[in-house]
Amino acid sequence: MSDWLKWVVLGLISIAFGIFALSHAVLTSVSVTIVVGALLLVTGAVQTYAGVTDIGLGNKILSILLGLVLLLLGVSFLADPLAGTISLALLVTIFIGAGGVLRILFALRLRGTPFFWMMLASGVLSLGLAAFILLNPAVTVALLGILLGVELLFNGAGLIALGLFRRSHLKGQRAGRPADGEPA
C-alpha cells in the first residue's frame, strides 16, 4: 500500500469511529470516563510510589498526597462511571464558559478595532454553549462522546487531506515539476 493511501485509509477509519462515537454519544462518554479513571489509577499509583521513595520530607508528603488524590479520583470514576462522566462534562463546560468570559474581556480591550465584534461574538457564543449544556442534563451525559466524535471527524478529514496532498506531491516529483504548495 502506498504511503499516501495509508493516510487516506487512516482518515476514513477515524471518520468511521467519529460517526460511531456520535451515534453512541453516551456510551462513548462513559467509555472515555472509564479510560480516564484507569489512567488516574495508574498515575496515582506511580505518584504515590514516587513519593514513598522520594528524598526530603516536604516532597515526600506532597507527592504521596497527590498520588492518593489521583488514586481516589480513579477509583471514583471506575466505581461510578456515569457520575464521573457528569463530573468531567461539567469540568469541560466550566472551561468553555471561562474561555467565553476571557474572550469577552479581551474583546473589551479590542474595542474600536475591526476584531472587536468577532471576539465578542466568540465569547458570547461560548457562554451560551456553556449555559445550554448546564440547562440540559441529557447533553451533559453525552457531551464527552459528542466532542470526541466531532474531533475524530475533523481528524479524519485532516488525515485524508494530508494523504491526498502527499499523493499530488509524489505525482509532481515524478513529473519533475513542483507539486502543489511548493514554490516554482
C-alpha atoms as a PDB file:
ATOM      1  CA  MET A   1       0.000   0.000   0.000  1.00  0.00           C
ATOM      2  CA  SER A   2       1.379   3.380  -0.956  1.00  0.00           C
ATOM      3  CA  ASP A   3       2.258   5.976   1.659  1.00  0.00           C
ATOM      4  CA  TRP A   4      -0.472   8.452   0.722  1.00  0.00           C
ATOM      5  CA  LEU A   5      -3.127   5.740   0.684  1.00  0.00           C
ATOM      6  CA  LYS A   6      -2.259   4.771   4.278  1.00  0.00           C
ATOM      7  CA  TRP A   7      -3.097   8.312   5.393  1.00  0.00           C
ATOM      8  CA  VAL A   8      -6.388   8.272   3.479  1.00  0.00           C
ATOM      9  CA  VAL A   9      -7.358   4.887   4.959  1.00  0.00           C
ATOM     10  CA  LEU A  10      -6.431   6.083   8.446  1.00  0.00           C
ATOM     11  CA  GLY A  11      -8.595   9.170   7.850  1.00  0.00           C
ATOM     12  CA  LEU A  12     -11.529   7.027   6.747  1.00  0.00           C
ATOM     13  CA  ILE A  13     -11.143   4.853   9.868  1.00  0.00           C
ATOM     14  CA  SER A  14     -11.093   7.978  12.038  1.00  0.00           C
ATOM     15  CA  ILE A  15     -14.260   9.235  10.351  1.00  0.00           C
ATOM     16  CA  ALA A  16     -15.945   5.842  10.866  1.00  0.00           C
ATOM     17  CA  PHE A  17     -15.069   5.931  14.583  1.00  0.00           C
ATOM     18  CA  GLY A  18     -16.275   9.536  14.742  1.00  0.00           C
ATOM     19  CA  ILE A  19     -19.630   8.544  13.276  1.00  0.00           C
ATOM     20  CA  PHE A  20     -19.841   5.644  15.748  1.00  0.00           C
ATOM     21  CA  ALA A  21     -18.976   7.954  18.659  1.00  0.00           C
ATOM     22  CA  LEU A  22     -21.637  10.462  17.618  1.00  0.00           C
ATOM     23  CA  SER A  23     -24.186   7.672  17.137  1.00  0.00           C
ATOM     24  CA  HIS A  24     -23.478   6.334  20.627  1.00  0.00           C
ATOM     25  CA  ALA A  25     -22.518   9.529  22.449  1.00  0.00           C
ATOM     26  CA  VAL A  26     -23.495   8.408  25.960  1.00  0.00           C
ATOM     27  CA  LEU A  27     -21.692   5.073  25.594  1.00  0.00           C
ATOM     28  CA  THR A  28     -18.635   6.900  24.252  1.00  0.00           C
ATOM     29  CA  SER A  29     -18.765   9.388  27.140  1.00  0.00           C
ATOM     30  CA  VAL A  30     -18.873   6.591  29.717  1.00  0.00           C
ATOM     31  CA  SER A  31     -16.044   4.783  27.897  1.00  0.00           C
ATOM     32  CA  VAL A  32     -13.912   7.935  27.988  1.00  0.00           C
ATOM     33  CA  THR A  33     -14.596   8.204  31.721  1.00  0.00           C
ATOM     34  CA  ILE A  34     -13.525   4.595  32.286  1.00  0.00           C
ATOM     35  CA  VAL A  35     -10.280   5.165  30.367  1.00  0.00           C
ATOM     36  CA  VAL A  36      -9.620   8.374  32.318  1.00  0.00           C
ATOM     37  CA  GLY A  37     -10.334   6.511  35.570  1.00  0.00           C
ATOM     38  CA  ALA A  38      -7.851   3.765  34.666  1.00  0.00           C
ATOM     39  CA  LEU A  39      -5.217   6.342  33.731  1.00  0.00           C
ATOM     40  CA  LEU A  40      -5.789   8.180  37.004  1.00  0.00           C
ATOM     41  CA  LEU A  41      -5.325   4.920  38.906  1.00  0.00           C
ATOM     42  CA  VAL A  42      -2.029   4.180  37.178  1.00  0.00           C
ATOM     43  CA  THR A  43      -0.818   7.762  37.564  1.00  0.00           C
ATOM     44  CA  GLY A  44      -1.849   7.824  41.216  1.00  0.00           C
ATOM     45  CA  ALA A  45      -0.051   4.562  41.939  1.00  0.00           C
ATOM     46  CA  VAL A  46       3.146   5.773  40.252  1.00  0.00           C
ATOM     47  CA  GLN A  47       2.926   9.155  42.003  1.00  0.00           C
ATOM     48  CA  THR A  48       2.405   7.513  45.396  1.00  0.00           C
ATOM     49  CA  TYR A  49       5.342   5.164  44.800  1.00  0.00           C
ATOM     50  CA  ALA A  50       7.499   8.112  43.736  1.00  0.00           C
ATOM     51  CA  GLY A  51       6.511   9.928  46.913  1.00  0.00           C
ATOM     52  CA  VAL A  52       7.372   6.961  49.130  1.00  0.00           C
ATOM     53  CA  THR A  53      10.800   6.600  47.529  1.00  0.00           C
ATOM     54  CA  ASP A  54      11.476  10.361  47.357  1.00  0.00           C
ATOM     55  CA  ILE A  55      14.111  12.049  49.479  1.00  0.00           C
ATOM     56  CA  GLY A  56      13.087  15.008  51.597  1.00  0.00           C
ATOM     57  CA  LEU A  57      10.059  15.196  53.841  1.00  0.00           C
ATOM     58  CA  GLY A  58       8.272  18.082  52.039  1.00  0.00           C
ATOM     59  CA  ASN A  59       8.455  16.473  48.602  1.00  0.00           C
ATOM     60  CA  LYS A  60       7.564  13.094  50.030  1.00  0.00           C
ATOM     61  CA  ILE A  61       4.381  14.278  51.748  1.00  0.00           C
ATOM     62  CA  LEU A  62       3.213  16.346  48.765  1.00  0.00           C
ATOM     63  CA  SER A  63       3.903  13.524  46.295  1.00  0.00           C
ATOM     64  CA  ILE A  64       2.101  10.944  48.424  1.00  0.00           C
ATOM     65  CA  LEU A  65      -0.913  13.249  48.915  1.00  0.00           C
ATOM     66  CA  LEU A  66      -1.126  13.986  45.194  1.00  0.00           C
ATOM     67  CA  GLY A  67      -0.844  10.280  44.408  1.00  0.00           C
ATOM     68  CA  LEU A  68      -3.617   9.421  46.867  1.00  0.00           C
ATOM     69  CA  VAL A  69      -5.903  12.100  45.393  1.00  0.00           C
ATOM     70  CA  LEU A  70      -5.301  10.707  41.896  1.00  0.00           C
ATOM     71  CA  LEU A  71      -5.967   7.178  43.158  1.00  0.00           C
ATOM     72  CA  LEU A  72      -9.234   8.284  44.792  1.00  0.00           C
ATOM     73  CA  LEU A  73     -10.348  10.051  41.599  1.00  0.00           C
ATOM     74  CA  GLY A  74      -9.535   6.953  39.552  1.00  0.00           C
ATOM     75  CA  VAL A  75     -11.443   4.682  41.917  1.00  0.00           C
ATOM     76  CA  SER A  76     -14.348   7.153  41.938  1.00  0.00           C
ATOM     77  CA  PHE A  77     -14.547   7.242  38.118  1.00  0.00           C
ATOM     78  CA  LEU A  78     -14.345   3.453  37.847  1.00  0.00           C
ATOM     79  CA  ALA A  79     -16.818   2.785  40.667  1.00  0.00           C
ATOM     80  CA  ASP A  80     -19.500   5.048  39.143  1.00  0.00           C
ATOM     81  CA  PRO A  81     -18.644   5.903  35.511  1.00  0.00           C
ATOM     82  CA  LEU A  82     -21.901   7.797  34.956  1.00  0.00           C
ATOM     83  CA  ALA A  83     -21.211  10.187  37.839  1.00  0.00           C
ATOM     84  CA  GLY A  84     -17.624  10.518  36.589  1.00  0.00           C
ATOM     85  CA  THR A  85     -18.924  11.326  33.114  1.00  0.00           C
ATOM     86  CA  ILE A  86     -21.105  14.094  34.529  1.00  0.00           C
ATOM     87  CA  SER A  87     -18.161  15.440  36.555  1.00  0.00           C
ATOM     88  CA  LEU A  88     -15.862  15.504  33.518  1.00  0.00           C
ATOM     89  CA  ALA A  89     -18.573  17.072  31.356  1.00  0.00           C
ATOM     90  CA  LEU A  90     -19.158  19.783  33.954  1.00  0.00           C
ATOM     91  CA  LEU A  91     -15.427  20.457  34.082  1.00  0.00           C
ATOM     92  CA  VAL A  92     -15.337  20.815  30.278  1.00  0.00           C
ATOM     93  CA  THR A  93     -18.389  23.085  30.485  1.00  0.00           C
ATOM     94  CA  ILE A  94     -16.661  25.276  33.068  1.00  0.00           C
ATOM     95  CA  PHE A  95     -13.644  25.573  30.736  1.00  0.00           C
ATOM     96  CA  ILE A  96     -15.922  26.505  27.822  1.00  0.00           C
ATOM     97  CA  GLY A  97     -17.657  29.168  29.933  1.00  0.00           C
ATOM     98  CA  ALA A  98     -14.381  30.506  31.336  1.00  0.00           C
ATOM     99  CA  GLY A  99     -12.986  30.755  27.813  1.00  0.00           C
ATOM    100  CA  GLY A 100     -16.065  32.716  26.808  1.00  0.00           C
ATOM    101  CA  VAL A 101     -15.668  35.143  29.706  1.00  0.00           C
ATOM    102  CA  LEU A 102     -11.989  35.661  28.881  1.00  0.00           C
ATOM    103  CA  ARG A 103     -12.774  36.322  25.215  1.00  0.00           C
ATOM    104  CA  ILE A 104     -15.460  38.864  26.195  1.00  0.00           C
ATOM    105  CA  LEU A 105     -12.990  40.633  28.477  1.00  0.00           C
ATOM    106  CA  PHE A 106     -10.383  40.584  25.721  1.00  0.00           C
ATOM    107  CA  ALA A 107     -12.963  41.926  23.254  1.00  0.00           C
ATOM    108  CA  LEU A 108     -13.455  44.944  25.500  1.00  0.00           C
ATOM    109  CA  ARG A 109      -9.765  45.705  25.064  1.00  0.00           C
ATOM    110  CA  LEU A 110     -10.203  45.433  21.295  1.00  0.00           C
ATOM    111  CA  ARG A 111     -12.997  47.998  21.189  1.00  0.00           C
ATOM    112  CA  GLY A 112     -12.608  50.249  18.175  1.00  0.00           C
ATOM    113  CA  THR A 113     -10.757  47.633  16.120  1.00  0.00           C
ATOM    114  CA  PRO A 114     -12.253  45.507  13.341  1.00  0.00           C
ATOM    115  CA  PHE A 115     -11.746  42.425  15.541  1.00  0.00           C
ATOM    116  CA  PHE A 116     -13.962  43.576  18.418  1.00  0.00           C
ATOM    117  CA  TRP A 117     -17.232  42.078  17.166  1.00  0.00           C
ATOM    118  CA  MET A 118     -15.683  38.762  16.147  1.00  0.00           C
ATOM    119  CA  MET A 119     -14.048  38.336  19.558  1.00  0.00           C
ATOM    120  CA  LEU A 120     -17.197  39.451  21.380  1.00  0.00           C
ATOM    121  CA  ALA A 121     -19.406  37.084  19.376  1.00  0.00           C
ATOM    122  CA  SER A 122     -17.000  34.211  20.038  1.00  0.00           C
ATOM    123  CA  GLY A 123     -17.126  34.849  23.785  1.00  0.00           C
ATOM    124  CA  VAL A 124     -20.908  35.238  23.894  1.00  0.00           C
ATOM    125  CA  LEU A 125     -21.384  32.024  21.879  1.00  0.00           C
ATOM    126  CA  SER A 126     -19.092  30.115  24.251  1.00  0.00           C
ATOM    127  CA  LEU A 127     -21.036  31.420  27.243  1.00  0.00           C
ATOM    128  CA  GLY A 128     -24.276  30.467  25.506  1.00  0.00           C
ATOM    129  CA  LEU A 129     -22.950  26.973  24.807  1.00  0.00           C
ATOM    130  CA  ALA A 130     -21.922  26.548  28.450  1.00  0.00           C
ATOM    131  CA  ALA A 131     -25.350  27.709  29.616  1.00  0.00           C
ATOM    132  CA  PHE A 132     -27.075  25.366  27.157  1.00  0.00           C
ATOM    133  CA  ILE A 133     -25.054  22.410  28.430  1.00  0.00           C
ATOM    134  CA  LEU A 134     -25.781  23.281  32.071  1.00  0.00           C
ATOM    135  CA  LEU A 135     -29.520  23.666  31.427  1.00  0.00           C
ATOM    136  CA  ASN A 136     -29.817  20.361  29.526  1.00  0.00           C
ATOM    137  CA  PRO A 137     -28.692  17.399  31.653  1.00  0.00           C
ATOM    138  CA  ALA A 138     -29.065  14.954  28.731  1.00  0.00           C
ATOM    139  CA  VAL A 139     -26.446  16.934  26.818  1.00  0.00           C
ATOM    140  CA  THR A 140     -24.138  16.798  29.840  1.00  0.00           C
ATOM    141  CA  VAL A 141     -24.058  12.994  29.800  1.00  0.00           C
ATOM    142  CA  ALA A 142     -23.411  12.858  26.054  1.00  0.00           C
ATOM    143  CA  LEU A 143     -21.008  15.833  25.874  1.00  0.00           C
ATOM    144  CA  LEU A 144     -17.713  13.924  26.009  1.00  0.00           C
ATOM    145  CA  GLY A 145     -18.899  11.492  23.335  1.00  0.00           C
ATOM    146  CA  ILE A 146     -20.055  14.334  21.106  1.00  0.00           C
ATOM    147  CA  LEU A 147     -16.753  16.184  21.496  1.00  0.00           C
ATOM    148  CA  LEU A 148     -14.745  13.027  20.804  1.00  0.00           C
ATOM    149  CA  GLY A 149     -16.903  12.177  17.788  1.00  0.00           C
ATOM    150  CA  VAL A 150     -16.538  15.651  16.290  1.00  0.00           C
ATOM    151  CA  GLU A 151     -12.772  15.576  16.916  1.00  0.00           C
ATOM    152  CA  LEU A 152     -12.489  12.179  15.195  1.00  0.00           C
ATOM    153  CA  LEU A 153     -14.418  13.543  12.186  1.00  0.00           C
ATOM    154  CA  PHE A 154     -12.146  16.594  11.937  1.00  0.00           C
ATOM    155  CA  ASN A 155      -9.065  14.421  12.438  1.00  0.00           C
ATOM    156  CA  GLY A 156     -10.221  12.066   9.687  1.00  0.00           C
ATOM    157  CA  ALA A 157     -10.809  14.929   7.271  1.00  0.00           C
ATOM    158  CA  GLY A 158      -7.329  16.281   8.047  1.00  0.00           C
ATOM    159  CA  LEU A 159      -5.701  12.875   7.505  1.00  0.00           C
ATOM    160  CA  ILE A 160      -7.483  12.427   4.181  1.00  0.00           C
ATOM    161  CA  ALA A 161      -6.339  15.908   3.112  1.00  0.00           C
ATOM    162  CA  LEU A 162      -2.773  15.000   4.129  1.00  0.00           C
ATOM    163  CA  GLY A 163      -2.920  11.765   2.137  1.00  0.00           C
ATOM    164  CA  LEU A 164      -4.261  13.490  -0.960  1.00  0.00           C
ATOM    165  CA  PHE A 165      -1.629  16.230  -0.631  1.00  0.00           C
ATOM    166  CA  ARG A 166       1.119  13.588  -0.396  1.00  0.00           C
ATOM    167  CA  ARG A 167      -0.322  11.897  -3.487  1.00  0.00           C
ATOM    168  CA  SER A 168      -0.235  15.128  -5.505  1.00  0.00           C
ATOM    169  CA  HIS A 169       3.241  15.857  -4.123  1.00  0.00           C
ATOM    170  CA  LEU A 170       4.511  12.457  -5.305  1.00  0.00           C
ATOM    171  CA  LYS A 171       2.949  12.941  -8.751  1.00  0.00           C
ATOM    172  CA  GLY A 172       4.689  16.309  -9.030  1.00  0.00           C
ATOM    173  CA  GLN A 173       8.056  14.809  -8.064  1.00  0.00           C
ATOM    174  CA  ARG A 174       7.709  12.031 -10.644  1.00  0.00           C
ATOM    175  CA  ALA A 175       6.876  14.536 -13.362  1.00  0.00           C
ATOM    176  CA  GLY A 176       9.868  16.696 -12.393  1.00  0.00           C
ATOM    177  CA  ARG A 177       7.807  19.741 -11.558  1.00  0.00           C
ATOM    178  CA  PRO A 178       6.994  21.354  -8.226  1.00  0.00           C
ATOM    179  CA  ALA A 179       3.942  19.890  -6.510  1.00  0.00           C
ATOM    180  CA  ASP A 180       1.015  21.919  -5.214  1.00  0.00           C
ATOM    181  CA  GLY A 181       2.071  24.203  -2.411  1.00  0.00           C
ATOM    182  CA  GLU A 182       5.770  24.293  -3.404  1.00  0.00           C
ATOM    183  CA  PRO A 183       7.476  27.324  -4.916  1.00  0.00           C
ATOM    184  CA  ALA A 184       8.447  27.019  -8.571  1.00  0.00           C
END
